[in-house]
Structure formats: structure tokens, C-alpha cells
Amino acid sequence: MSDIHFDRVDPVVVDALRAEINADPPDLIIVSGDLTQHAYRHEYRAAGAFLRSLNAPVLAVPGNHDITYIHLAQRFLDPYARWRRFISREIEPTWTDDTVAVVGLNTARRMAWGFDWSKGRFGLRQLHRLNKRLEALPKELFRIVVAHHPLHAPEHAPDLDIVGRADEALACFQRNGVGLVLAGHLHRGYVHAHEIAQEGLPPLLVIQASTATSTRLRGEPNAYHRLEIDKSGTVALEVRAWDGREWRQVATREQGARRPKDEPGDLAGLG
């Protein structure tokens, strides 16, 4: 899930999402940033309480809304103090089991050129560290990278801003055998199969999540994804959206060692 934006949420959606997840808890819950709206203390407290109410471990990375825009001293001197207090002591966590490895990356930046500080960026030293993190993982694990900002624009909106140094990051992912990238930020859900130049390799699957619980919609309903990954590296994606009364399946997609194949379903907004 992504962009849960506590303080700008629909409480009915939040309660229904909690009930659905806890009725069938996954091995891991991934949250790709923007847990709060303005990084206020009460927002962080509510977001942390929600995550702790879920019956599964959580891996989360910050988004641009998780750094305060109001208290500039905190933004520049200790931007993740509230994150570490209420969410996690880590901002770039790693989680593994016997099938997958999930690596979190922080693309939020405390400042940027120009007036729009919401845009994210990968750092060169960050990508160098990522190389080492991925190299240290057992070779047999399927590798997933999680970041907040998108690495690829949807086909229906190619001019949307993507994260800085996206090309360098994708090249790093490909060199290190990453099979899946998860991100958010745009409040729009879509899937992109990023082609890999090396012959015989399947595309790198890039999955963008819509907002799971926020009222700040972008022409799409609240939605989240369920993923199943088997030991062969086959990825099965289920998109579940809120229809005003309940969560329901709206699309599925599967990718294995060959080209992706779509099963019947409305893939509107998935690109």
C-alpha cells in the first residue's frame, strides 16, 4: 500500500482496510511512503497506531509528506525524528524470508533545486550503498525494491515527473537482479514492464500504487495491492479497490520467467 496520508483519511476506508488485512494477513505489509499529510506529531501517532493494529510485520519508507514543511529547523537538522519515534528506527529497512528480499530506499529529500521540494531523487552514494546491500543478499532470493517516488511515468501520462536519477537506479536494479519495484506518490496505480537489454531475462516489473486510504484522490478510487511470489520468481498481482462499501478485486496480473500475461479484469489506471 502507499500514500495513506493520516489526517486526510476516510475513517470508514481505514477501518475496512484494517479488517480485510487482519482477516487474511500477509507475510509482510509494505508501505511506500507518505504515511502522514504534514508530518505533524498527531498524524505520525495515528499512522503508527494503524500500522501496529495490523497482524503482520510492516516495512515502510518515507515519502515527501513525511518531512515537515513547517518547522524548517527540524526539516534540515533532523527530518526523520518523528519517523524514528512513531514508525521505525530505520528509513531504509531490509526484510527477508526464504523466498524474497525486500529492500527499502528513501527518495524523499529535505531540499531540492527550485520551489517544488516534493520531487524525490536517488543519491549517487545511496546507489553505491544499494549495490553493496543487494550483493550481500543470498542469490536465490527474489529481490524487491521499495521507494516512494515513481521510476517510470504511465503510458497515458508520459510527462508526469519521475524520481531524479531514475535511469541510474533502474540500471543498478538490473545489474543486481531486482525483479520488482514498488512505489507510490502519484495517487495513481499502474504497471510497467521495464525491458532488460540482456537476452533471456524477463522485464523488470514496476508497480505504482494508488492511495490506500486518503481522501486526496486523483480520479481513481482508494486501492492497494496484494502480491504473491513463489520460489520460481513468478509474481501474481491482485489490485483491490474500494467501491464505497467494500474492498473488491478489480484486476490481476502475473509475470513469471516469460513475458507478462494479463488475466481478464479492468486494468484502467494500471498502464
Protein backbone atom coordinates (compact mmCIF):
# COMPACT_ATOMS: atom_id res chain seq x y z
CA MET A 1 0.00 0.00 0.00
CA SER A 2 1.05 3.61 -0.35
CA ASP A 3 0.18 7.22 0.47
CA ILE A 4 -2.04 6.54 3.46
CA HIS A 5 -1.79 10.25 4.48
CA PHE A 6 -3.07 10.23 8.04
CA ASP A 7 -5.04 13.38 8.85
CA ARG A 8 -6.52 13.28 5.34
CA VAL A 9 -8.10 9.83 5.50
CA ASP A 10 -11.58 8.38 5.24
CA PRO A 11 -12.05 6.54 8.58
CA VAL A 12 -14.51 4.11 7.02
CA VAL A 13 -11.90 3.11 4.45
CA VAL A 14 -9.23 2.81 7.14
CA ASP A 15 -11.37 0.52 9.31
CA ALA A 16 -12.38 -1.64 6.35
CA LEU A 17 -8.77 -1.95 5.20
CA ARG A 18 -7.65 -3.00 8.68
CA ALA A 19 -10.41 -5.60 8.87
CA GLU A 20 -9.62 -7.00 5.44
CA ILE A 21 -5.88 -7.27 6.08
CA ASN A 22 -6.31 -8.82 9.51
CA ALA A 23 -8.79 -11.37 8.16
CA ASP A 24 -6.12 -12.66 5.77
CA PRO A 25 -2.77 -11.28 6.93
CA PRO A 26 0.18 -11.38 4.53
CA ASP A 27 3.75 -12.32 5.36
CA LEU A 28 4.73 -8.66 5.07
CA ILE A 29 2.96 -5.31 4.66
CA ILE A 30 4.87 -2.80 2.52
CA VAL A 31 4.09 0.92 2.73
CA SER A 32 5.81 3.03 0.09
CA GLY A 33 5.75 6.42 1.78
CA ASP A 34 3.54 9.38 2.67
CA LEU A 35 2.20 7.96 5.89
CA THR A 36 1.27 11.49 7.02
CA GLN A 37 -0.08 14.67 5.45
CA HIS A 38 2.05 17.36 7.11
CA ALA A 39 4.41 15.28 9.30
CA TYR A 40 2.66 16.58 12.43
CA ARG A 41 3.10 14.64 15.63
CA HIS A 42 -0.58 13.66 15.88
CA GLU A 43 -0.50 12.39 12.27
CA TYR A 44 2.54 10.25 12.96
CA ARG A 45 0.91 8.94 16.13
CA ALA A 46 -2.21 7.92 14.19
CA ALA A 47 -0.21 6.33 11.36
CA GLY A 48 1.92 4.36 13.80
CA ALA A 49 -1.15 3.15 15.69
CA PHE A 50 -2.75 2.00 12.44
CA LEU A 51 0.33 0.04 11.37
CA ARG A 52 0.65 -1.57 14.80
CA SER A 53 -3.01 -2.65 14.59
CA LEU A 54 -2.25 -4.83 11.56
CA ASN A 55 -1.49 -8.50 12.17
CA ALA A 56 1.68 -8.65 10.07
CA PRO A 57 5.17 -7.15 10.07
CA VAL A 58 5.50 -3.80 8.30
CA LEU A 59 8.26 -2.42 6.09
CA ALA A 60 7.85 1.28 5.38
CA VAL A 61 9.89 4.00 3.69
CA PRO A 62 9.34 7.77 4.00
CA GLY A 63 7.69 9.99 1.42
CA ASN A 64 7.97 13.71 0.86
CA HIS A 65 4.94 14.39 3.10
CA ASP A 66 6.73 12.66 5.99
CA ILE A 67 9.23 15.54 6.28
CA THR A 68 7.87 18.71 7.85
CA TYR A 69 7.38 21.76 5.63
CA ILE A 70 6.50 23.96 8.62
CA HIS A 71 9.40 23.57 11.06
CA LEU A 72 12.39 24.30 8.87
CA ALA A 73 14.97 23.75 11.60
CA GLN A 74 13.69 20.22 12.11
CA ARG A 75 13.43 19.65 8.36
CA PHE A 76 17.10 20.43 7.83
CA LEU A 77 18.65 19.24 11.10
CA ASP A 78 16.65 16.11 11.99
CA PRO A 79 13.96 15.47 9.36
CA TYR A 80 13.22 11.88 10.41
CA ALA A 81 13.00 12.33 14.18
CA ARG A 82 9.24 11.70 14.26
CA TRP A 83 9.53 8.85 11.77
CA ARG A 84 12.00 7.10 14.07
CA ARG A 85 9.85 7.78 17.13
CA PHE A 86 6.48 6.65 15.78
CA ILE A 87 7.14 4.40 12.75
CA SER A 88 10.55 2.74 12.66
CA ARG A 89 14.14 3.36 13.67
CA GLU A 90 15.10 2.63 10.06
CA ILE A 91 14.38 4.73 6.99
CA GLU A 92 15.90 2.20 4.55
CA PRO A 93 14.92 -1.17 6.01
CA THR A 94 15.52 -4.68 4.67
CA TRP A 95 13.32 -7.74 5.20
CA THR A 96 13.93 -11.31 4.08
CA ASP A 97 12.36 -14.74 4.31
CA ASP A 98 13.21 -17.94 2.46
CA THR A 99 11.75 -16.67 -0.83
CA VAL A 100 12.11 -12.89 -1.13
CA ALA A 101 14.26 -9.98 -0.03
CA VAL A 102 12.67 -6.54 0.25
CA VAL A 103 14.98 -3.52 0.27
CA GLY A 104 13.67 -0.06 1.17
CA LEU A 105 15.09 3.14 -0.31
CA ASN A 106 14.46 6.71 0.81
CA THR A 107 13.89 9.07 -2.13
CA ALA A 108 12.47 11.97 -0.09
CA ARG A 109 14.80 14.98 0.09
CA ARG A 110 14.87 17.83 2.59
CA MET A 111 15.59 20.32 -0.19
CA ALA A 112 15.88 20.49 -3.98
CA TRP A 113 16.58 22.95 -6.75
CA GLY A 114 13.58 25.17 -7.40
CA PHE A 115 10.47 25.70 -5.31
CA ASP A 116 8.98 22.21 -5.54
CA TRP A 117 10.64 20.17 -2.81
CA SER A 118 8.20 17.30 -3.20
CA LYS A 119 10.20 15.75 -6.02
CA GLY A 120 12.40 12.86 -4.98
CA ARG A 121 15.86 11.82 -6.03
CA PHE A 122 18.30 8.95 -5.71
CA GLY A 123 21.75 9.90 -4.44
CA LEU A 124 24.90 8.52 -6.06
CA ARG A 125 26.27 7.37 -2.70
CA GLN A 126 22.86 5.87 -1.95
CA LEU A 127 23.01 3.78 -5.14
CA HIS A 128 26.56 2.74 -4.28
CA ARG A 129 25.33 1.54 -0.87
CA LEU A 130 22.45 -0.23 -2.59
CA ASN A 131 24.91 -2.18 -4.73
CA LYS A 132 26.54 -3.49 -1.58
CA ARG A 133 23.20 -4.25 0.09
CA LEU A 134 21.99 -6.26 -2.89
CA GLU A 135 25.32 -8.05 -3.36
CA ALA A 136 25.13 -9.24 0.25
CA LEU A 137 21.77 -10.96 -0.24
CA PRO A 138 21.53 -14.71 -0.86
CA LYS A 139 21.47 -15.32 -4.60
CA GLU A 140 18.34 -17.48 -4.53
CA LEU A 141 16.07 -14.77 -3.12
CA PHE A 142 13.68 -12.82 -5.34
CA ARG A 143 14.61 -9.15 -4.95
CA ILE A 144 12.13 -6.32 -4.42
CA VAL A 145 12.99 -2.63 -4.11
CA VAL A 146 10.58 -0.17 -2.45
CA ALA A 147 10.74 3.62 -2.85
CA HIS A 148 8.22 6.43 -2.63
CA HIS A 149 8.72 8.30 -5.91
CA PRO A 150 7.89 6.76 -9.31
CA LEU A 151 10.63 5.43 -11.57
CA HIS A 152 8.51 5.37 -14.70
CA ALA A 153 5.64 7.54 -15.91
CA PRO A 154 2.42 5.87 -17.06
CA GLU A 155 1.89 5.48 -20.80
CA HIS A 156 -1.25 7.62 -20.66
CA ALA A 157 0.64 10.48 -18.92
CA PRO A 158 4.28 10.33 -20.09
CA ASP A 159 5.07 13.88 -18.93
CA LEU A 160 4.49 13.21 -15.24
CA ASP A 161 7.56 13.82 -13.10
CA ILE A 162 9.56 10.79 -12.05
CA VAL A 163 12.28 10.44 -9.44
CA GLY A 164 15.66 12.00 -10.11
CA ARG A 165 18.31 9.56 -11.41
CA ALA A 166 15.64 7.02 -12.31
CA ASP A 167 17.74 5.64 -15.18
CA GLU A 168 20.78 5.14 -12.95
CA ALA A 169 18.62 3.45 -10.32
CA LEU A 170 16.98 1.09 -12.83
CA ALA A 171 20.41 0.16 -14.20
CA CYS A 172 21.57 -0.59 -10.66
CA PHE A 173 18.49 -2.73 -10.04
CA GLN A 174 19.04 -4.68 -13.25
CA ARG A 175 22.72 -5.33 -12.54
CA ASN A 176 21.78 -6.78 -9.18
CA GLY A 177 18.90 -8.99 -10.27
CA VAL A 178 15.98 -6.97 -8.89
CA GLY A 179 12.71 -8.37 -10.20
CA LEU A 180 10.14 -5.96 -8.81
CA VAL A 181 9.97 -2.25 -7.91
CA LEU A 182 7.16 -0.81 -5.77
CA ALA A 183 6.41 2.92 -5.48
CA GLY A 184 3.66 5.48 -4.98
CA HIS A 185 3.47 9.31 -4.75
CA LEU A 186 1.17 9.99 -7.72
CA HIS A 187 -2.02 8.52 -6.20
CA ARG A 188 -2.40 6.64 -9.48
CA GLY A 189 -1.99 2.91 -9.95
CA TYR A 190 -0.31 1.38 -12.98
CA VAL A 191 2.14 -1.32 -14.02
CA HIS A 192 5.13 -1.02 -16.32
CA ALA A 193 7.26 -3.89 -17.60
CA HIS A 194 10.72 -2.30 -17.98
CA GLU A 195 12.62 -4.13 -20.69
CA ILE A 196 16.05 -5.51 -19.84
CA ALA A 197 18.70 -5.47 -22.53
CA GLN A 198 20.25 -8.79 -21.53
CA GLU A 199 18.73 -11.56 -23.63
CA GLY A 200 16.75 -14.18 -21.78
CA LEU A 201 15.79 -12.03 -18.80
CA PRO A 202 12.14 -11.13 -18.14
CA PRO A 203 11.19 -7.45 -17.83
CA LEU A 204 11.67 -5.68 -14.53
CA LEU A 205 8.16 -5.16 -13.17
CA VAL A 206 7.48 -1.63 -11.86
CA ILE A 207 4.23 -1.35 -9.88
CA GLN A 208 2.80 2.01 -8.85
CA ALA A 209 0.23 2.04 -6.05
CA SER A 210 -2.65 4.46 -5.69
CA THR A 211 -3.51 5.93 -2.29
CA ALA A 212 -4.91 3.29 0.04
CA THR A 213 -6.83 5.49 2.48
CA SER A 214 -6.52 9.20 1.64
CA THR A 215 -9.34 11.48 0.54
CA ARG A 216 -6.86 13.17 -1.83
CA LEU A 217 -7.86 11.09 -4.84
CA ARG A 218 -6.60 11.64 -8.39
CA GLY A 219 -9.51 10.30 -10.42
CA GLU A 220 -9.12 6.76 -9.06
CA PRO A 221 -10.64 5.01 -6.05
CA ASN A 222 -8.63 4.07 -2.99
CA ALA A 223 -6.72 0.90 -3.77
CA TYR A 224 -3.95 -1.38 -2.59
CA HIS A 225 -2.14 -4.41 -3.98
CA ARG A 226 -1.73 -7.99 -2.86
CA LEU A 227 1.32 -9.81 -4.20
CA GLU A 228 2.25 -13.47 -4.17
CA ILE A 229 5.74 -14.55 -5.21
CA ASP A 230 6.69 -18.20 -5.43
CA LYS A 231 10.13 -19.77 -5.36
CA SER A 232 10.34 -19.78 -9.16
CA GLY A 233 10.08 -15.97 -9.16
CA THR A 234 6.55 -15.81 -10.54
CA VAL A 235 4.79 -12.63 -9.40
CA ALA A 236 0.99 -12.65 -9.05
CA LEU A 237 -0.57 -9.22 -8.55
CA GLU A 238 -4.10 -8.57 -7.33
CA VAL A 239 -5.42 -4.99 -7.31
CA ARG A 240 -8.11 -4.38 -4.69
CA ALA A 241 -10.11 -1.14 -4.77
CA TRP A 242 -12.70 0.47 -2.51
CA ASP A 243 -16.11 0.73 -4.17
CA GLY A 244 -17.75 2.81 -1.45
CA ARG A 245 -18.94 -0.21 0.51
CA GLU A 246 -16.20 -2.82 0.45
CA TRP A 247 -12.83 -3.77 -0.97
CA ARG A 248 -13.05 -5.83 -4.14
CA GLN A 249 -10.73 -7.27 -6.76
CA VAL A 250 -10.54 -5.11 -9.89
CA ALA A 251 -7.56 -6.57 -11.76
CA THR A 252 -4.93 -9.30 -11.75
CA ARG A 253 -1.61 -9.73 -13.48
CA GLU A 254 1.00 -12.46 -13.50
CA GLN A 255 4.61 -12.42 -14.58
CA GLY A 256 6.99 -15.33 -14.48
CA ALA A 257 10.11 -16.21 -16.39
CA ARG A 258 8.46 -15.17 -19.66
CA ARG A 259 6.65 -12.07 -20.86
CA PRO A 260 3.84 -10.77 -18.63
CA LYS A 261 0.34 -12.00 -19.23
CA ASP A 262 -2.82 -10.20 -18.13
CA GLU A 263 -5.90 -12.04 -16.95
CA PRO A 264 -9.39 -10.63 -17.54
CA GLY A 265 -10.07 -7.59 -15.42
CA ASP A 266 -10.33 -3.85 -15.61
CA LEU A 267 -6.77 -2.58 -15.76
CA ALA A 268 -7.84 1.06 -16.06
CA GLY A 269 -5.25 3.20 -14.37
CA LEU A 270 -2.63 0.48 -14.41
CA GLY A 271 -0.98 1.46 -17.70
